[in-house]
Amino acid sequence: MKSRKINSDRILGISAMAISVLTLAIFIYQTDIMRVQSKLSVKPRLDFTTNQGGNDSLVTYQEVLENKGLGPAIIDSIYFMHEKKSFPLNAESFFEKNYPKLLEYGYLSQHAELGEGTTLTPNEERSLFVYKLPASNLESVFEYLGITSIDEIPFYIEVTFTSIYEDELWLTNTNKSVPKKIK
C-alpha cells in the first residue's frame, strides 16, 4: 500500500471551498433577513375610528378609516355589511335602502366612496361619512335602530387591503381593532 502525502495545495483548495460554501450560506440567510425587514418596513395597518360629538342641539357621528402602519395600504374591497349582505361603500344609498328614516331624523354632511385600488399612505385618514342629527332626535334614532348606545349599531364597514408587495391580504372592520390576515 502506498502512503499518500497530504500536500498543502490540496488543504488550501478544500479550505477555500469550505469557506466559499459557508459564505454562500451566510449570504442567503442575510438576504432572507433583509427581505423580511423590507416587507415589515412597508406593512400597512388600517384601523377605524368612530368620532362622536356635538353640543346641546346637534349630535355628530363620524366614521374614519386611517392607515396606522408603516407603508401604504392598497384597498382591495370596502363594503357596508348588514344582515350578512354587503353593500358598496356609499352611505347615502346604503341608508336610503336599509334605514330610510335615518335620513329623516338627520342628514349626511359628508360621505366618501372608496374603491378597489385606493391607496392610503401612512398616517393618512379618510372620513367615510359624517351623520348629523338634532339632539332631540337621538332617542328616536336609537329606538329606530333598536339600540341603547352608539356602540350597538346594527351594521358595520369591512375592508380588505394589502401592502405594496401584494402578497398578503388583510381584513378589518369597524367591530375589530386588529386586522386579520386572510391570505
N, C-alpha and C. Protein backbone atom coordinates (compact mmCIF):
# COMPACT_ATOMS: atom_id res chain seq x y z
N MET A 1 0.82 -1.17 0.00
CA MET A 1 0.00 0.00 0.00
C MET A 1 0.87 1.24 0.00
N LYS A 2 0.47 2.14 -0.78
CA LYS A 2 1.24 3.37 -0.92
C LYS A 2 0.72 4.39 0.08
N SER A 3 1.56 5.05 0.73
CA SER A 3 1.12 6.08 1.67
C SER A 3 0.99 7.39 0.91
N ARG A 4 -0.13 8.03 1.15
CA ARG A 4 -0.39 9.30 0.45
C ARG A 4 0.04 10.44 1.32
N LYS A 5 0.65 11.36 0.70
CA LYS A 5 1.07 12.56 1.39
C LYS A 5 0.02 13.63 1.15
N ILE A 6 -0.37 14.30 2.17
CA ILE A 6 -1.30 15.41 2.01
C ILE A 6 -0.47 16.64 1.73
N ASN A 7 -0.69 17.17 0.55
CA ASN A 7 0.11 18.35 0.23
C ASN A 7 -0.64 19.63 0.59
N SER A 8 0.05 20.67 0.73
CA SER A 8 -0.53 21.95 1.17
C SER A 8 -1.49 22.53 0.14
N ASP A 9 -1.31 22.28 -1.14
CA ASP A 9 -2.23 22.79 -2.16
C ASP A 9 -3.62 22.18 -2.00
N ARG A 10 -3.65 20.89 -1.71
CA ARG A 10 -4.94 20.22 -1.53
C ARG A 10 -5.66 20.77 -0.29
N ILE A 11 -4.95 20.98 0.79
CA ILE A 11 -5.54 21.53 2.02
C ILE A 11 -6.08 22.93 1.76
N LEU A 12 -5.32 23.75 1.07
CA LEU A 12 -5.77 25.11 0.76
C LEU A 12 -7.01 25.08 -0.14
N GLY A 13 -7.07 24.19 -1.10
CA GLY A 13 -8.21 24.08 -2.00
C GLY A 13 -9.48 23.67 -1.27
N ILE A 14 -9.36 22.66 -0.41
CA ILE A 14 -10.52 22.19 0.36
C ILE A 14 -10.97 23.28 1.33
N SER A 15 -10.05 23.97 1.96
CA SER A 15 -10.39 25.06 2.89
C SER A 15 -11.10 26.19 2.15
N ALA A 16 -10.62 26.55 0.97
CA ALA A 16 -11.24 27.62 0.18
C ALA A 16 -12.66 27.24 -0.21
N MET A 17 -12.86 25.98 -0.59
CA MET A 17 -14.21 25.53 -0.95
C MET A 17 -15.14 25.57 0.26
N ALA A 18 -14.68 25.13 1.41
CA ALA A 18 -15.50 25.13 2.63
C ALA A 18 -15.87 26.56 3.02
N ILE A 19 -14.89 27.45 2.94
CA ILE A 19 -15.16 28.86 3.26
C ILE A 19 -16.16 29.44 2.27
N SER A 20 -16.06 29.12 1.00
CA SER A 20 -16.98 29.62 -0.01
C SER A 20 -18.41 29.13 0.24
N VAL A 21 -18.56 27.86 0.58
CA VAL A 21 -19.89 27.30 0.87
C VAL A 21 -20.48 27.97 2.11
N LEU A 22 -19.68 28.15 3.14
CA LEU A 22 -20.14 28.81 4.36
C LEU A 22 -20.52 30.26 4.06
N THR A 23 -19.74 30.96 3.28
CA THR A 23 -20.04 32.34 2.90
C THR A 23 -21.36 32.41 2.14
N LEU A 24 -21.59 31.47 1.22
CA LEU A 24 -22.84 31.43 0.46
C LEU A 24 -24.03 31.22 1.39
N ALA A 25 -23.90 30.32 2.35
CA ALA A 25 -24.99 30.07 3.31
C ALA A 25 -25.29 31.33 4.13
N ILE A 26 -24.27 32.01 4.59
CA ILE A 26 -24.47 33.25 5.36
C ILE A 26 -25.10 34.33 4.49
N PHE A 27 -24.68 34.44 3.25
CA PHE A 27 -25.25 35.43 2.33
C PHE A 27 -26.74 35.15 2.09
N ILE A 28 -27.13 33.90 1.89
CA ILE A 28 -28.54 33.54 1.69
C ILE A 28 -29.34 33.88 2.94
N TYR A 29 -28.82 33.58 4.11
CA TYR A 29 -29.50 33.88 5.37
C TYR A 29 -29.68 35.39 5.54
N GLN A 30 -28.64 36.17 5.29
CA GLN A 30 -28.73 37.63 5.42
C GLN A 30 -29.72 38.21 4.41
N THR A 31 -29.75 37.68 3.21
CA THR A 31 -30.68 38.15 2.19
C THR A 31 -32.12 37.90 2.64
N ASP A 32 -32.38 36.75 3.24
CA ASP A 32 -33.71 36.45 3.74
C ASP A 32 -34.10 37.42 4.86
N ILE A 33 -33.18 37.70 5.76
CA ILE A 33 -33.44 38.67 6.84
C ILE A 33 -33.77 40.04 6.26
N MET A 34 -33.01 40.47 5.26
CA MET A 34 -33.25 41.78 4.64
C MET A 34 -34.60 41.81 3.92
N ARG A 35 -35.01 40.70 3.30
CA ARG A 35 -36.30 40.63 2.61
C ARG A 35 -37.43 40.78 3.63
N VAL A 36 -37.34 40.05 4.74
CA VAL A 36 -38.36 40.14 5.79
C VAL A 36 -38.40 41.56 6.35
N GLN A 37 -37.25 42.15 6.62
CA GLN A 37 -37.19 43.51 7.16
C GLN A 37 -37.79 44.51 6.16
N SER A 38 -37.51 44.31 4.89
CA SER A 38 -38.04 45.20 3.86
C SER A 38 -39.56 45.15 3.83
N LYS A 39 -40.13 43.95 3.93
CA LYS A 39 -41.60 43.82 3.93
C LYS A 39 -42.21 44.46 5.17
N LEU A 40 -41.58 44.25 6.31
CA LEU A 40 -42.11 44.82 7.55
C LEU A 40 -42.01 46.35 7.55
N SER A 41 -41.05 46.89 6.84
CA SER A 41 -40.87 48.34 6.84
C SER A 41 -41.95 49.06 6.03
N VAL A 42 -42.73 48.33 5.24
CA VAL A 42 -43.81 48.95 4.46
C VAL A 42 -45.16 48.30 4.76
N LYS A 43 -45.28 47.67 5.91
CA LYS A 43 -46.53 46.98 6.27
C LYS A 43 -47.59 48.00 6.69
N PRO A 44 -48.75 47.99 6.02
CA PRO A 44 -49.83 48.90 6.42
C PRO A 44 -50.65 48.30 7.56
N ARG A 45 -51.43 49.15 8.22
CA ARG A 45 -52.36 48.69 9.26
C ARG A 45 -53.55 49.64 9.26
N LEU A 46 -54.64 49.21 8.65
CA LEU A 46 -55.83 50.05 8.60
C LEU A 46 -56.64 49.86 9.88
N ASP A 47 -57.19 50.95 10.34
CA ASP A 47 -57.97 50.95 11.57
C ASP A 47 -59.11 51.95 11.43
N PHE A 48 -60.21 51.65 12.06
CA PHE A 48 -61.36 52.56 12.05
C PHE A 48 -61.41 53.35 13.34
N THR A 49 -61.81 54.59 13.22
CA THR A 49 -62.03 55.45 14.37
C THR A 49 -63.44 56.00 14.27
N THR A 50 -64.19 55.90 15.34
CA THR A 50 -65.53 56.44 15.38
C THR A 50 -65.49 57.69 16.25
N ASN A 51 -65.86 58.82 15.66
CA ASN A 51 -65.90 60.08 16.39
C ASN A 51 -67.35 60.43 16.67
N GLN A 52 -67.60 60.77 17.91
CA GLN A 52 -68.93 61.21 18.32
C GLN A 52 -68.78 62.55 19.02
N GLY A 53 -69.67 63.41 18.74
CA GLY A 53 -69.57 64.71 19.38
C GLY A 53 -70.82 65.51 19.15
N GLY A 54 -70.69 66.77 19.42
CA GLY A 54 -71.81 67.66 19.24
C GLY A 54 -71.98 68.58 20.42
N ASN A 55 -73.16 69.14 20.48
CA ASN A 55 -73.48 70.05 21.59
C ASN A 55 -74.92 69.78 22.00
N ASP A 56 -75.53 70.71 22.70
CA ASP A 56 -76.89 70.51 23.20
C ASP A 56 -77.92 70.42 22.08
N SER A 57 -77.60 70.96 20.92
CA SER A 57 -78.60 70.97 19.86
C SER A 57 -78.29 70.05 18.68
N LEU A 58 -77.02 69.68 18.47
CA LEU A 58 -76.64 68.88 17.31
C LEU A 58 -75.66 67.77 17.71
N VAL A 59 -75.95 66.54 17.27
CA VAL A 59 -75.08 65.39 17.55
C VAL A 59 -74.43 64.97 16.23
N THR A 60 -73.13 64.66 16.28
CA THR A 60 -72.38 64.28 15.10
C THR A 60 -71.77 62.89 15.31
N TYR A 61 -71.89 62.05 14.28
CA TYR A 61 -71.31 60.72 14.28
C TYR A 61 -70.46 60.61 13.02
N GLN A 62 -69.17 60.29 13.17
CA GLN A 62 -68.26 60.22 12.03
C GLN A 62 -67.49 58.90 12.06
N GLU A 63 -67.38 58.27 10.90
CA GLU A 63 -66.59 57.05 10.77
C GLU A 63 -65.37 57.38 9.91
N VAL A 64 -64.17 57.09 10.45
CA VAL A 64 -62.91 57.44 9.78
C VAL A 64 -62.08 56.17 9.59
N LEU A 65 -61.45 56.05 8.42
CA LEU A 65 -60.53 54.96 8.13
C LEU A 65 -59.13 55.56 8.10
N GLU A 66 -58.20 54.97 8.88
CA GLU A 66 -56.86 55.53 8.98
C GLU A 66 -55.81 54.43 8.80
N ASN A 67 -54.73 54.77 8.12
CA ASN A 67 -53.59 53.86 7.96
C ASN A 67 -52.59 54.18 9.07
N LYS A 68 -52.53 53.30 10.06
CA LYS A 68 -51.61 53.49 11.19
C LYS A 68 -50.34 52.66 11.02
N GLY A 69 -50.13 52.14 9.81
CA GLY A 69 -48.96 51.30 9.54
C GLY A 69 -47.78 52.10 9.03
N LEU A 70 -46.76 51.37 8.59
CA LEU A 70 -45.52 51.99 8.14
C LEU A 70 -45.49 52.22 6.63
N GLY A 71 -46.34 51.51 5.90
CA GLY A 71 -46.33 51.65 4.44
C GLY A 71 -47.72 51.90 3.91
N PRO A 72 -47.83 52.14 2.60
CA PRO A 72 -49.14 52.42 2.01
C PRO A 72 -50.04 51.18 2.04
N ALA A 73 -51.32 51.42 2.22
CA ALA A 73 -52.34 50.36 2.20
C ALA A 73 -53.12 50.49 0.90
N ILE A 74 -53.21 49.40 0.17
CA ILE A 74 -53.96 49.38 -1.08
C ILE A 74 -55.27 48.64 -0.80
N ILE A 75 -56.39 49.33 -0.97
CA ILE A 75 -57.69 48.74 -0.68
C ILE A 75 -58.07 47.76 -1.78
N ASP A 76 -58.43 46.56 -1.35
CA ASP A 76 -58.90 45.54 -2.27
C ASP A 76 -60.43 45.62 -2.39
N SER A 77 -61.11 45.78 -1.25
CA SER A 77 -62.56 45.96 -1.25
C SER A 77 -62.98 46.66 0.04
N ILE A 78 -64.09 47.37 -0.03
CA ILE A 78 -64.63 48.04 1.15
C ILE A 78 -66.16 48.10 1.00
N TYR A 79 -66.85 47.62 2.03
CA TYR A 79 -68.31 47.48 1.97
C TYR A 79 -68.96 47.81 3.30
N PHE A 80 -70.24 48.20 3.22
CA PHE A 80 -71.11 48.17 4.38
C PHE A 80 -71.58 46.73 4.51
N MET A 81 -71.62 46.20 5.71
CA MET A 81 -72.13 44.85 5.96
C MET A 81 -73.38 44.98 6.83
N HIS A 82 -74.45 44.32 6.37
CA HIS A 82 -75.72 44.38 7.09
C HIS A 82 -76.48 43.09 6.84
N GLU A 83 -76.84 42.38 7.90
CA GLU A 83 -77.58 41.12 7.81
C GLU A 83 -76.90 40.16 6.83
N LYS A 84 -75.59 40.01 6.97
CA LYS A 84 -74.77 39.09 6.18
C LYS A 84 -74.78 39.41 4.68
N LYS A 85 -75.13 40.62 4.32
CA LYS A 85 -75.08 41.08 2.93
C LYS A 85 -74.11 42.25 2.85
N SER A 86 -73.45 42.38 1.70
CA SER A 86 -72.52 43.50 1.52
C SER A 86 -73.13 44.52 0.57
N PHE A 87 -72.83 45.79 0.86
CA PHE A 87 -73.32 46.91 0.06
C PHE A 87 -72.14 47.83 -0.24
N PRO A 88 -72.05 48.36 -1.45
CA PRO A 88 -70.94 49.27 -1.77
C PRO A 88 -70.86 50.43 -0.77
N LEU A 89 -69.65 50.90 -0.56
CA LEU A 89 -69.45 52.00 0.39
C LEU A 89 -69.98 53.31 -0.19
N ASN A 90 -71.26 53.52 0.03
CA ASN A 90 -71.92 54.77 -0.32
C ASN A 90 -72.98 54.95 0.75
N ALA A 91 -72.67 55.76 1.76
CA ALA A 91 -73.53 55.89 2.92
C ALA A 91 -74.94 56.34 2.54
N GLU A 92 -75.04 57.27 1.61
CA GLU A 92 -76.36 57.79 1.25
C GLU A 92 -77.26 56.69 0.67
N SER A 93 -76.76 55.93 -0.30
CA SER A 93 -77.60 54.88 -0.89
C SER A 93 -77.82 53.73 0.11
N PHE A 94 -76.81 53.44 0.97
CA PHE A 94 -76.99 52.40 1.98
C PHE A 94 -78.10 52.77 2.95
N PHE A 95 -78.08 54.02 3.45
CA PHE A 95 -79.12 54.45 4.38
C PHE A 95 -80.49 54.51 3.70
N GLU A 96 -80.53 55.01 2.47
CA GLU A 96 -81.81 55.08 1.75
C GLU A 96 -82.44 53.69 1.59
N LYS A 97 -81.60 52.69 1.33
CA LYS A 97 -82.11 51.34 1.09
C LYS A 97 -82.45 50.61 2.38
N ASN A 98 -81.60 50.71 3.40
CA ASN A 98 -81.75 49.90 4.62
C ASN A 98 -82.33 50.65 5.82
N TYR A 99 -82.08 51.92 5.90
CA TYR A 99 -82.54 52.72 7.05
C TYR A 99 -83.03 54.09 6.57
N PRO A 100 -84.11 54.13 5.81
CA PRO A 100 -84.54 55.40 5.22
C PRO A 100 -84.91 56.48 6.26
N LYS A 101 -85.36 56.07 7.42
CA LYS A 101 -85.74 57.06 8.43
C LYS A 101 -84.54 57.80 9.00
N LEU A 102 -83.34 57.20 8.91
CA LEU A 102 -82.15 57.90 9.39
C LEU A 102 -81.97 59.23 8.67
N LEU A 103 -82.31 59.26 7.38
CA LEU A 103 -82.17 60.49 6.60
C LEU A 103 -83.33 61.46 6.87
N GLU A 104 -84.37 60.98 7.55
CA GLU A 104 -85.44 61.87 8.00
C GLU A 104 -85.09 62.48 9.35
N TYR A 105 -84.47 61.68 10.22
CA TYR A 105 -84.08 62.16 11.55
C TYR A 105 -82.87 63.08 11.51
N GLY A 106 -81.98 62.85 10.55
CA GLY A 106 -80.75 63.64 10.44
C GLY A 106 -80.32 63.71 8.99
N TYR A 107 -79.05 64.02 8.78
CA TYR A 107 -78.57 64.15 7.40
C TYR A 107 -77.08 63.79 7.34
N LEU A 108 -76.65 63.42 6.15
CA LEU A 108 -75.23 63.16 5.90
C LEU A 108 -74.59 64.46 5.45
N SER A 109 -73.67 64.97 6.22
CA SER A 109 -72.99 66.21 5.81
C SER A 109 -71.79 65.89 4.92
N GLN A 110 -71.37 64.61 4.93
CA GLN A 110 -70.24 64.21 4.10
C GLN A 110 -70.27 62.70 3.97
N HIS A 111 -69.92 62.20 2.78
CA HIS A 111 -69.72 60.76 2.61
C HIS A 111 -68.77 60.51 1.46
N ALA A 112 -67.99 59.45 1.60
CA ALA A 112 -66.95 59.14 0.61
C ALA A 112 -67.27 57.82 -0.06
N GLU A 113 -66.73 57.64 -1.24
CA GLU A 113 -66.81 56.37 -1.94
C GLU A 113 -65.37 55.95 -2.27
N LEU A 114 -64.89 54.93 -1.60
CA LEU A 114 -63.56 54.40 -1.86
C LEU A 114 -63.73 53.08 -2.60
N GLY A 115 -62.86 52.81 -3.53
CA GLY A 115 -62.97 51.58 -4.29
C GLY A 115 -61.68 50.82 -4.35
N GLU A 116 -61.71 49.74 -5.12
CA GLU A 116 -60.54 48.90 -5.30
C GLU A 116 -59.39 49.71 -5.87
N GLY A 117 -58.23 49.55 -5.28
CA GLY A 117 -57.04 50.25 -5.74
C GLY A 117 -56.77 51.57 -5.05
N THR A 118 -57.72 52.06 -4.25
CA THR A 118 -57.48 53.29 -3.49
C THR A 118 -56.32 53.05 -2.54
N THR A 119 -55.40 53.99 -2.48
CA THR A 119 -54.21 53.84 -1.64
C THR A 119 -54.24 54.88 -0.52
N LEU A 120 -54.00 54.42 0.69
CA LEU A 120 -53.87 55.30 1.84
C LEU A 120 -52.42 55.25 2.30
N THR A 121 -51.77 56.39 2.29
CA THR A 121 -50.38 56.47 2.72
C THR A 121 -50.31 56.39 4.24
N PRO A 122 -49.14 56.12 4.81
CA PRO A 122 -49.03 56.06 6.27
C PRO A 122 -49.53 57.36 6.92
N ASN A 123 -50.29 57.22 7.96
CA ASN A 123 -50.89 58.30 8.74
C ASN A 123 -51.99 59.05 7.99
N GLU A 124 -52.37 58.59 6.81
CA GLU A 124 -53.48 59.22 6.10
C GLU A 124 -54.79 58.69 6.65
N GLU A 125 -55.75 59.57 6.75
CA GLU A 125 -57.08 59.16 7.19
C GLU A 125 -58.12 59.70 6.23
N ARG A 126 -59.19 58.93 6.07
CA ARG A 126 -60.30 59.31 5.20
C ARG A 126 -61.59 59.24 5.99
N SER A 127 -62.34 60.29 5.96
CA SER A 127 -63.65 60.30 6.58
C SER A 127 -64.61 59.57 5.64
N LEU A 128 -65.22 58.49 6.12
CA LEU A 128 -66.12 57.70 5.27
C LEU A 128 -67.51 58.30 5.22
N PHE A 129 -67.98 58.79 6.37
CA PHE A 129 -69.23 59.55 6.39
C PHE A 129 -69.37 60.31 7.70
N VAL A 130 -70.13 61.39 7.63
CA VAL A 130 -70.46 62.18 8.80
C VAL A 130 -71.98 62.32 8.82
N TYR A 131 -72.57 61.82 9.90
CA TYR A 131 -74.03 61.86 10.07
C TYR A 131 -74.34 62.83 11.20
N LYS A 132 -75.19 63.79 10.92
CA LYS A 132 -75.56 64.78 11.93
C LYS A 132 -77.07 64.74 12.14
N LEU A 133 -77.47 64.95 13.39
CA LEU A 133 -78.88 64.99 13.70
C LEU A 133 -79.13 65.90 14.89
N PRO A 134 -80.31 66.48 14.93
CA PRO A 134 -80.65 67.28 16.11
C PRO A 134 -80.65 66.39 17.35
N ALA A 135 -80.15 66.91 18.46
CA ALA A 135 -80.08 66.14 19.69
C ALA A 135 -81.45 65.64 20.12
N SER A 136 -82.49 66.37 19.78
CA SER A 136 -83.84 65.95 20.15
C SER A 136 -84.26 64.67 19.42
N ASN A 137 -83.59 64.32 18.31
CA ASN A 137 -83.94 63.11 17.55
C ASN A 137 -83.10 61.89 17.94
N LEU A 138 -82.14 62.05 18.82
CA LEU A 138 -81.23 60.96 19.16
C LEU A 138 -81.97 59.75 19.72
N GLU A 139 -82.89 59.97 20.62
CA GLU A 139 -83.64 58.87 21.21
C GLU A 139 -84.47 58.15 20.14
N SER A 140 -85.05 58.89 19.22
CA SER A 140 -85.84 58.28 18.13
C SER A 140 -84.95 57.42 17.23
N VAL A 141 -83.72 57.87 16.96
CA VAL A 141 -82.79 57.09 16.14
C VAL A 141 -82.42 55.80 16.86
N PHE A 142 -82.12 55.87 18.16
CA PHE A 142 -81.78 54.67 18.92
C PHE A 142 -82.95 53.68 18.90
N GLU A 143 -84.14 54.18 19.06
CA GLU A 143 -85.33 53.32 19.04
C GLU A 143 -85.51 52.70 17.65
N TYR A 144 -85.35 53.50 16.60
CA TYR A 144 -85.49 53.03 15.22
C TYR A 144 -84.47 51.93 14.91
N LEU A 145 -83.23 52.08 15.37
CA LEU A 145 -82.19 51.09 15.13
C LEU A 145 -82.25 49.92 16.12
N GLY A 146 -83.05 50.07 17.19
CA GLY A 146 -83.15 49.02 18.19
C GLY A 146 -81.91 48.89 19.05
N ILE A 147 -81.29 50.02 19.39
CA ILE A 147 -80.06 50.01 20.18
C ILE A 147 -80.23 50.90 21.40
N THR A 148 -79.30 50.73 22.34
CA THR A 148 -79.31 51.59 23.53
C THR A 148 -78.09 52.50 23.60
N SER A 149 -77.06 52.18 22.77
CA SER A 149 -75.89 53.05 22.71
C SER A 149 -75.34 53.04 21.29
N ILE A 150 -74.50 53.99 20.99
CA ILE A 150 -73.92 54.13 19.65
C ILE A 150 -73.01 52.94 19.30
N ASP A 151 -72.54 52.22 20.32
CA ASP A 151 -71.66 51.07 20.10
C ASP A 151 -72.39 49.83 19.58
N GLU A 152 -73.71 49.86 19.53
CA GLU A 152 -74.50 48.70 19.12
C GLU A 152 -75.07 48.83 17.71
N ILE A 153 -74.52 49.68 16.88
CA ILE A 153 -75.06 49.92 15.54
C ILE A 153 -75.18 48.58 14.79
N PRO A 154 -76.33 48.31 14.14
CA PRO A 154 -76.58 47.00 13.51
C PRO A 154 -75.92 46.79 12.14
N PHE A 155 -75.01 47.64 11.75
CA PHE A 155 -74.27 47.45 10.51
C PHE A 155 -72.81 47.83 10.78
N TYR A 156 -71.94 47.41 9.90
CA TYR A 156 -70.53 47.76 10.07
C TYR A 156 -69.88 47.89 8.70
N ILE A 157 -68.67 48.41 8.69
CA ILE A 157 -67.91 48.57 7.45
C ILE A 157 -66.75 47.58 7.50
N GLU A 158 -66.55 46.89 6.38
CA GLU A 158 -65.49 45.89 6.28
C GLU A 158 -64.56 46.26 5.13
N VAL A 159 -63.27 46.15 5.37
CA VAL A 159 -62.28 46.48 4.33
C VAL A 159 -61.22 45.39 4.26
N THR A 160 -60.85 45.01 3.03
CA THR A 160 -59.71 44.15 2.82
C THR A 160 -58.65 44.98 2.12
N PHE A 161 -57.39 44.77 2.50
CA PHE A 161 -56.31 45.59 1.97
C PHE A 161 -55.02 44.80 1.90
N THR A 162 -54.06 45.33 1.17
CA THR A 162 -52.76 44.69 1.01
C THR A 162 -51.67 45.76 1.04
N SER A 163 -50.42 45.31 1.07
CA SER A 163 -49.28 46.23 1.03
C SER A 163 -48.84 46.40 -0.42
N ILE A 164 -47.77 47.16 -0.63
CA ILE A 164 -47.29 47.35 -2.00
C ILE A 164 -46.70 46.06 -2.56
N TYR A 165 -46.36 45.10 -1.71
CA TYR A 165 -45.87 43.80 -2.19
C TYR A 165 -47.01 42.91 -2.69
N GLU A 166 -48.22 43.21 -2.26
CA GLU A 166 -49.45 42.49 -2.66
C GLU A 166 -49.35 40.98 -2.45
N ASP A 167 -48.63 40.54 -1.42
CA ASP A 167 -48.52 39.10 -1.17
C ASP A 167 -49.35 38.65 0.02
N GLU A 168 -49.86 39.58 0.81
CA GLU A 168 -50.71 39.26 1.94
C GLU A 168 -51.97 40.10 1.85
N LEU A 169 -53.11 39.50 2.20
CA LEU A 169 -54.38 40.21 2.20
C LEU A 169 -54.89 40.25 3.63
N TRP A 170 -55.30 41.44 4.07
CA TRP A 170 -55.74 41.64 5.45
C TRP A 170 -57.19 42.08 5.45
N LEU A 171 -57.91 41.75 6.52
CA LEU A 171 -59.31 42.11 6.69
C LEU A 171 -59.48 42.78 8.04
N THR A 172 -60.19 43.88 8.04
CA THR A 172 -60.57 44.52 9.29
C THR A 172 -61.95 45.14 9.10
N ASN A 173 -62.60 45.44 10.21
CA ASN A 173 -63.90 46.10 10.13
C ASN A 173 -64.10 46.98 11.35
N THR A 174 -65.20 47.68 11.37
CA THR A 174 -65.45 48.63 12.45
C THR A 174 -65.69 47.93 13.79
N ASN A 175 -65.88 46.61 13.79
CA ASN A 175 -66.06 45.87 15.04
C ASN A 175 -64.77 45.29 15.59
N LYS A 176 -63.71 45.19 14.76
CA LYS A 176 -62.44 44.59 15.18
C LYS A 176 -61.36 45.66 15.23
N SER A 177 -60.52 45.56 16.24
CA SER A 177 -59.46 46.56 16.34
C SER A 177 -58.15 46.07 15.71
N VAL A 178 -58.02 44.76 15.49
CA VAL A 178 -56.78 44.23 14.92
C VAL A 178 -57.09 43.58 13.57
N PRO A 179 -56.37 43.98 12.52
CA PRO A 179 -56.58 43.36 11.22
C PRO A 179 -56.23 41.87 11.27
N LYS A 180 -56.97 41.07 10.49
CA LYS A 180 -56.77 39.62 10.44
C LYS A 180 -56.23 39.26 9.06
N LYS A 181 -55.17 38.48 9.03
CA LYS A 181 -54.57 38.04 7.77
C LYS A 181 -55.45 36.96 7.17
N ILE A 182 -55.88 37.16 5.90
CA ILE A 182 -56.73 36.16 5.25
C ILE A 182 -56.05 35.48 4.07
N LYS A 183 -54.89 35.94 3.68
CA LYS A 183 -54.14 35.29 2.59
C LYS A 183 -52.65 35.45 2.84
